[in-house]
């Protein structure tokens, strides 16, 4: 059981690290990108996803 908890703790620290907001923003961008591409709007994904990523990064820096 300790190997399982250690494995989970590693991935939590690797993905979340210091900021849960960045982790949620990153997962949200991936999900939104997948939805946009699967629905037939890859051009929209190319424009909006970098804007969302930059907004998430700026918001996490301003919050500190």
PDB file of N, CA and C in Angstrom:
ATOM      1  N   UNK A   1       0.819  -1.192   0.000  1.00  0.00           N
ATOM      2  CA  UNK A   1       0.000   0.000   0.000  1.00  0.00           C
ATOM      3  C   UNK A   1       0.864   1.258   0.000  1.00  0.00           C
ATOM      4  N   UNK A   2       2.033   1.193   0.637  1.00  0.00           N
ATOM      5  CA  UNK A   2       2.877   2.385   0.681  1.00  0.00           C
ATOM      6  C   UNK A   2       3.416   2.739  -0.710  1.00  0.00           C
ATOM      7  N   UNK A   3       3.575   1.735  -1.580  1.00  0.00           N
ATOM      8  CA  UNK A   3       4.015   2.020  -2.944  1.00  0.00           C
ATOM      9  C   UNK A   3       2.932   2.768  -3.717  1.00  0.00           C
ATOM     10  N   UNK A   4       1.690   2.376  -3.481  1.00  0.00           N
ATOM     11  CA  UNK A   4       0.575   3.035  -4.148  1.00  0.00           C
ATOM     12  C   UNK A   4       0.434   4.484  -3.688  1.00  0.00           C
ATOM     13  N   UNK A   5       0.540   4.727  -2.401  1.00  0.00           N
ATOM     14  CA  UNK A   5       0.449   6.096  -1.906  1.00  0.00           C
ATOM     15  C   UNK A   5       1.655   6.921  -2.361  1.00  0.00           C
ATOM     16  N   UNK A   6       2.812   6.321  -2.408  1.00  0.00           N
ATOM     17  CA  UNK A   6       3.989   7.028  -2.907  1.00  0.00           C
ATOM     18  C   UNK A   6       3.857   7.381  -4.379  1.00  0.00           C
ATOM     19  N   UNK A   7       3.304   6.449  -5.158  1.00  0.00           N
ATOM     20  CA  UNK A   7       3.081   6.698  -6.582  1.00  0.00           C
ATOM     21  C   UNK A   7       2.081   7.836  -6.785  1.00  0.00           C
ATOM     22  N   UNK A   8       0.989   7.811  -6.028  1.00  0.00           N
ATOM     23  CA  UNK A   8      -0.020   8.868  -6.125  1.00  0.00           C
ATOM     24  C   UNK A   8       0.549  10.208  -5.669  1.00  0.00           C
ATOM     25  N   UNK A   9       1.347  10.201  -4.621  1.00  0.00           N
ATOM     26  CA  UNK A   9       1.952  11.443  -4.129  1.00  0.00           C
ATOM     27  C   UNK A   9       2.926  12.016  -5.149  1.00  0.00           C
ATOM     28  N   UNK A  10       3.667  11.162  -5.831  1.00  0.00           N
ATOM     29  CA  UNK A  10       4.574  11.642  -6.873  1.00  0.00           C
ATOM     30  C   UNK A  10       3.813  12.345  -7.980  1.00  0.00           C
ATOM     31  N   UNK A  11       2.741  11.720  -8.481  1.00  0.00           N
ATOM     32  CA  UNK A  11       1.996  12.323  -9.580  1.00  0.00           C
ATOM     33  C   UNK A  11       1.279  13.584  -9.150  1.00  0.00           C
ATOM     34  N   UNK A  12       0.775  13.624  -7.921  1.00  0.00           N
ATOM     35  CA  UNK A  12       0.142  14.841  -7.421  1.00  0.00           C
ATOM     36  C   UNK A  12       1.166  15.974  -7.382  1.00  0.00           C
ATOM     37  N   UNK A  13       2.343  15.709  -6.858  1.00  0.00           N
ATOM     38  CA  UNK A  13       3.381  16.733  -6.780  1.00  0.00           C
ATOM     39  C   UNK A  13       3.873  17.126  -8.164  1.00  0.00           C
ATOM     40  N   UNK A  14       3.951  16.166  -9.086  1.00  0.00           N
ATOM     41  CA  UNK A  14       4.429  16.446 -10.433  1.00  0.00           C
ATOM     42  C   UNK A  14       3.430  17.306 -11.207  1.00  0.00           C
ATOM     43  N   UNK A  15       2.148  16.998 -11.107  1.00  0.00           N
ATOM     44  CA  UNK A  15       1.133  17.722 -11.881  1.00  0.00           C
ATOM     45  C   UNK A  15       0.735  19.017 -11.188  1.00  0.00           C
ATOM     46  N   UNK A  16       0.457  18.962  -9.909  1.00  0.00           N
ATOM     47  CA  UNK A  16      -0.032  20.146  -9.207  1.00  0.00           C
ATOM     48  C   UNK A  16       1.136  21.032  -8.792  1.00  0.00           C
ATOM     49  N   UNK A  17       2.141  20.452  -8.197  1.00  0.00           N
ATOM     50  CA  UNK A  17       3.297  21.242  -7.778  1.00  0.00           C
ATOM     51  C   UNK A  17       2.918  22.300  -6.765  1.00  0.00           C
ATOM     52  N   UNK A  18       3.157  23.556  -7.101  1.00  0.00           N
ATOM     53  CA  UNK A  18       2.885  24.652  -6.181  1.00  0.00           C
ATOM     54  C   UNK A  18       1.521  25.296  -6.391  1.00  0.00           C
ATOM     55  N   UNK A  19       0.931  25.119  -7.556  1.00  0.00           N
ATOM     56  CA  UNK A  19      -0.282  25.865  -7.869  1.00  0.00           C
ATOM     57  C   UNK A  19      -1.380  24.949  -8.407  1.00  0.00           C
ATOM     58  N   UNK A  20      -2.436  24.820  -7.650  1.00  0.00           N
ATOM     59  CA  UNK A  20      -3.572  24.029  -8.096  1.00  0.00           C
ATOM     60  C   UNK A  20      -4.287  24.747  -9.247  1.00  0.00           C
ATOM     61  N   UNK A  21      -4.232  26.074  -9.265  1.00  0.00           N
ATOM     62  CA  UNK A  21      -4.891  26.835 -10.335  1.00  0.00           C
ATOM     63  C   UNK A  21      -4.255  26.535 -11.691  1.00  0.00           C
ATOM     64  N   UNK A  22      -2.947  26.421 -11.735  1.00  0.00           N
ATOM     65  CA  UNK A  22      -2.282  26.093 -12.991  1.00  0.00           C
ATOM     66  C   UNK A  22      -2.593  24.670 -13.432  1.00  0.00           C
ATOM     67  N   UNK A  23      -2.697  23.760 -12.489  1.00  0.00           N
ATOM     68  CA  UNK A  23      -3.034  22.379 -12.832  1.00  0.00           C
ATOM     69  C   UNK A  23      -4.446  22.294 -13.397  1.00  0.00           C
ATOM     70  N   UNK A  24      -5.390  22.980 -12.768  1.00  0.00           N
ATOM     71  CA  UNK A  24      -6.769  22.982 -13.258  1.00  0.00           C
ATOM     72  C   UNK A  24      -6.847  23.677 -14.609  1.00  0.00           C
ATOM     73  N   UNK A  25      -6.134  24.785 -14.757  1.00  0.00           N
ATOM     74  CA  UNK A  25      -6.118  25.487 -16.048  1.00  0.00           C
ATOM     75  C   UNK A  25      -5.523  24.640 -17.156  1.00  0.00           C
ATOM     76  N   UNK A  26      -4.458  23.915 -16.852  1.00  0.00           N
ATOM     77  CA  UNK A  26      -3.837  23.047 -17.856  1.00  0.00           C
ATOM     78  C   UNK A  26      -4.742  21.920 -18.293  1.00  0.00           C
ATOM     79  N   UNK A  27      -5.391  21.287 -17.339  1.00  0.00           N
ATOM     80  CA  UNK A  27      -6.330  20.212 -17.681  1.00  0.00           C
ATOM     81  C   UNK A  27      -7.524  20.774 -18.440  1.00  0.00           C
ATOM     82  N   UNK A  28      -7.990  21.940 -18.025  1.00  0.00           N
ATOM     83  CA  UNK A  28      -9.119  22.578 -18.718  1.00  0.00           C
ATOM     84  C   UNK A  28      -8.790  22.918 -20.158  1.00  0.00           C
ATOM     85  N   UNK A  29      -7.591  23.402 -20.403  1.00  0.00           N
ATOM     86  CA  UNK A  29      -7.173  23.723 -21.766  1.00  0.00           C
ATOM     87  C   UNK A  29      -7.095  22.467 -22.619  1.00  0.00           C
ATOM     88  N   UNK A  30      -6.577  21.394 -22.051  1.00  0.00           N
ATOM     89  CA  UNK A  30      -6.502  20.143 -22.809  1.00  0.00           C
ATOM     90  C   UNK A  30      -7.889  19.616 -23.158  1.00  0.00           C
ATOM     91  N   UNK A  31      -8.807  19.670 -22.207  1.00  0.00           N
ATOM     92  CA  UNK A  31     -10.170  19.189 -22.455  1.00  0.00           C
ATOM     93  C   UNK A  31     -10.873  20.081 -23.475  1.00  0.00           C
ATOM     94  N   UNK A  32     -10.751  21.388 -23.304  1.00  0.00           N
ATOM     95  CA  UNK A  32     -11.382  22.316 -24.251  1.00  0.00           C
ATOM     96  C   UNK A  32     -10.810  22.148 -25.646  1.00  0.00           C
ATOM     97  N   UNK A  33      -9.505  21.977 -25.755  1.00  0.00           N
ATOM     98  CA  UNK A  33      -8.883  21.761 -27.058  1.00  0.00           C
ATOM     99  C   UNK A  33      -9.370  20.503 -27.729  1.00  0.00           C
ATOM    100  N   UNK A  34      -9.468  19.437 -26.957  1.00  0.00           N
ATOM    101  CA  UNK A  34      -9.966  18.174 -27.519  1.00  0.00           C
ATOM    102  C   UNK A  34     -11.411  18.317 -27.991  1.00  0.00           C
ATOM    103  N   UNK A  35     -12.226  19.008 -27.198  1.00  0.00           N
ATOM    104  CA  UNK A  35     -13.621  19.205 -27.591  1.00  0.00           C
ATOM    105  C   UNK A  35     -13.750  20.053 -28.853  1.00  0.00           C
ATOM    106  N   UNK A  36     -12.951  21.102 -28.939  1.00  0.00           N
ATOM    107  CA  UNK A  36     -13.011  21.960 -30.128  1.00  0.00           C
ATOM    108  C   UNK A  36     -12.557  21.223 -31.381  1.00  0.00           C
ATOM    109  N   UNK A  37     -11.503  20.457 -31.285  1.00  0.00           N
ATOM    110  CA  UNK A  37     -10.995  19.735 -32.453  1.00  0.00           C
ATOM    111  C   UNK A  37     -11.964  18.638 -32.877  1.00  0.00           C
ATOM    112  N   UNK A  38     -12.527  17.919 -31.901  1.00  0.00           N
ATOM    113  CA  UNK A  38     -13.470  16.846 -32.243  1.00  0.00           C
ATOM    114  C   UNK A  38     -14.774  17.386 -32.815  1.00  0.00           C
ATOM    115  N   UNK A  39     -15.141  18.612 -32.443  1.00  0.00           N
ATOM    116  CA  UNK A  39     -16.377  19.173 -32.966  1.00  0.00           C
ATOM    117  C   UNK A  39     -16.178  19.858 -34.315  1.00  0.00           C
ATOM    118  N   UNK A  40     -14.953  19.880 -34.808  1.00  0.00           N
ATOM    119  CA  UNK A  40     -14.699  20.406 -36.144  1.00  0.00           C
ATOM    120  C   UNK A  40     -14.249  21.852 -36.189  1.00  0.00           C
ATOM    121  N   UNK A  41     -13.721  22.363 -35.090  1.00  0.00           N
ATOM    122  CA  UNK A  41     -13.249  23.737 -35.047  1.00  0.00           C
ATOM    123  C   UNK A  41     -11.769  23.820 -34.673  1.00  0.00           C
ATOM    124  N   UNK A  42     -10.877  23.220 -35.440  1.00  0.00           N
ATOM    125  CA  UNK A  42      -9.458  23.279 -35.061  1.00  0.00           C
ATOM    126  C   UNK A  42      -8.875  24.688 -35.183  1.00  0.00           C
ATOM    127  N   UNK A  43      -9.418  25.498 -36.072  1.00  0.00           N
ATOM    128  CA  UNK A  43      -8.932  26.872 -36.209  1.00  0.00           C
ATOM    129  C   UNK A  43      -9.229  27.706 -34.976  1.00  0.00           C
ATOM    130  N   UNK A  44     -10.393  27.474 -34.407  1.00  0.00           N
ATOM    131  CA  UNK A  44     -10.751  28.189 -33.186  1.00  0.00           C
ATOM    132  C   UNK A  44      -9.835  27.757 -32.037  1.00  0.00           C
ATOM    133  N   UNK A  45      -9.509  26.483 -31.999  1.00  0.00           N
ATOM    134  CA  UNK A  45      -8.624  25.976 -30.951  1.00  0.00           C
ATOM    135  C   UNK A  45      -7.238  26.598 -31.065  1.00  0.00           C
ATOM    136  N   UNK A  46      -6.760  26.793 -32.278  1.00  0.00           N
ATOM    137  CA  UNK A  46      -5.428  27.379 -32.478  1.00  0.00           C
ATOM    138  C   UNK A  46      -5.345  28.805 -31.956  1.00  0.00           C
ATOM    139  N   UNK A  47      -6.451  29.500 -31.968  1.00  0.00           N
ATOM    140  CA  UNK A  47      -6.455  30.901 -31.539  1.00  0.00           C
ATOM    141  C   UNK A  47      -6.775  31.027 -30.051  1.00  0.00           C
ATOM    142  N   UNK A  48      -7.791  30.320 -29.596  1.00  0.00           N
ATOM    143  CA  UNK A  48      -8.254  30.530 -28.223  1.00  0.00           C
ATOM    144  C   UNK A  48      -7.399  29.839 -27.164  1.00  0.00           C
ATOM    145  N   UNK A  49      -6.841  28.687 -27.458  1.00  0.00           N
ATOM    146  CA  UNK A  49      -6.106  27.959 -26.431  1.00  0.00           C
ATOM    147  C   UNK A  49      -4.843  28.682 -25.949  1.00  0.00           C
ATOM    148  N   UNK A  50      -4.031  29.257 -26.836  1.00  0.00           N
ATOM    149  CA  UNK A  50      -2.883  30.017 -26.318  1.00  0.00           C
ATOM    150  C   UNK A  50      -3.299  31.222 -25.474  1.00  0.00           C
ATOM    151  N   UNK A  51      -4.422  31.843 -25.837  1.00  0.00           N
ATOM    152  CA  UNK A  51      -4.912  32.978 -25.055  1.00  0.00           C
ATOM    153  C   UNK A  51      -5.333  32.513 -23.658  1.00  0.00           C
ATOM    154  N   UNK A  52      -5.989  31.373 -23.579  1.00  0.00           N
ATOM    155  CA  UNK A  52      -6.410  30.849 -22.280  1.00  0.00           C
ATOM    156  C   UNK A  52      -5.205  30.451 -21.438  1.00  0.00           C
ATOM    157  N   UNK A  53      -4.210  29.854 -22.059  1.00  0.00           N
ATOM    158  CA  UNK A  53      -3.006  29.461 -21.318  1.00  0.00           C
ATOM    159  C   UNK A  53      -2.302  30.696 -20.764  1.00  0.00           C
ATOM    160  N   UNK A  54      -2.141  31.712 -21.577  1.00  0.00           N
ATOM    161  CA  UNK A  54      -1.482  32.932 -21.112  1.00  0.00           C
ATOM    162  C   UNK A  54      -2.298  33.619 -20.024  1.00  0.00           C
ATOM    163  N   UNK A  55      -3.604  33.611 -20.146  1.00  0.00           N
ATOM    164  CA  UNK A  55      -4.462  34.204 -19.117  1.00  0.00           C
ATOM    165  C   UNK A  55      -4.323  33.462 -17.792  1.00  0.00           C
ATOM    166  N   UNK A  56      -4.250  32.147 -17.852  1.00  0.00           N
ATOM    167  CA  UNK A  56      -4.078  31.350 -16.643  1.00  0.00           C
ATOM    168  C   UNK A  56      -2.732  31.641 -15.987  1.00  0.00           C
ATOM    169  N   UNK A  57      -1.687  31.748 -16.794  1.00  0.00           N
ATOM    170  CA  UNK A  57      -0.367  32.053 -16.241  1.00  0.00           C
ATOM    171  C   UNK A  57      -0.330  33.440 -15.606  1.00  0.00           C
ATOM    172  N   UNK A  58      -0.901  34.420 -16.284  1.00  0.00           N
ATOM    173  CA  UNK A  58      -0.928  35.789 -15.734  1.00  0.00           C
ATOM    174  C   UNK A  58      -1.747  35.824 -14.454  1.00  0.00           C
ATOM    175  N   UNK A  59      -2.890  35.156 -14.436  1.00  0.00           N
ATOM    176  CA  UNK A  59      -3.716  35.135 -13.238  1.00  0.00           C
ATOM    177  C   UNK A  59      -2.993  34.481 -12.071  1.00  0.00           C
ATOM    178  N   UNK A  60      -2.219  33.444 -12.332  1.00  0.00           N
ATOM    179  CA  UNK A  60      -1.510  32.794 -11.233  1.00  0.00           C
ATOM    180  C   UNK A  60      -0.374  33.684 -10.722  1.00  0.00           C
ATOM    181  N   UNK A  61       0.252  34.472 -11.590  1.00  0.00           N
ATOM    182  CA  UNK A  61       1.320  35.364 -11.155  1.00  0.00           C
ATOM    183  C   UNK A  61       0.786  36.583 -10.405  1.00  0.00           C
ATOM    184  N   UNK A  62      -0.350  37.105 -10.860  1.00  0.00           N
ATOM    185  CA  UNK A  62      -0.928  38.280 -10.202  1.00  0.00           C
ATOM    186  C   UNK A  62      -1.434  37.917  -8.822  1.00  0.00           C
ATOM    187  N   UNK A  63      -1.938  36.699  -8.679  1.00  0.00           N
ATOM    188  CA  UNK A  63      -2.479  36.258  -7.402  1.00  0.00           C
ATOM    189  C   UNK A  63      -1.425  36.166  -6.319  1.00  0.00           C
ATOM    190  N   UNK A  64      -0.192  35.950  -6.671  1.00  0.00           N
ATOM    191  CA  UNK A  64       0.883  35.825  -5.675  1.00  0.00           C
ATOM    192  C   UNK A  64       1.203  37.173  -5.196  1.00  0.00           C
TER     193      UNK A  64
END
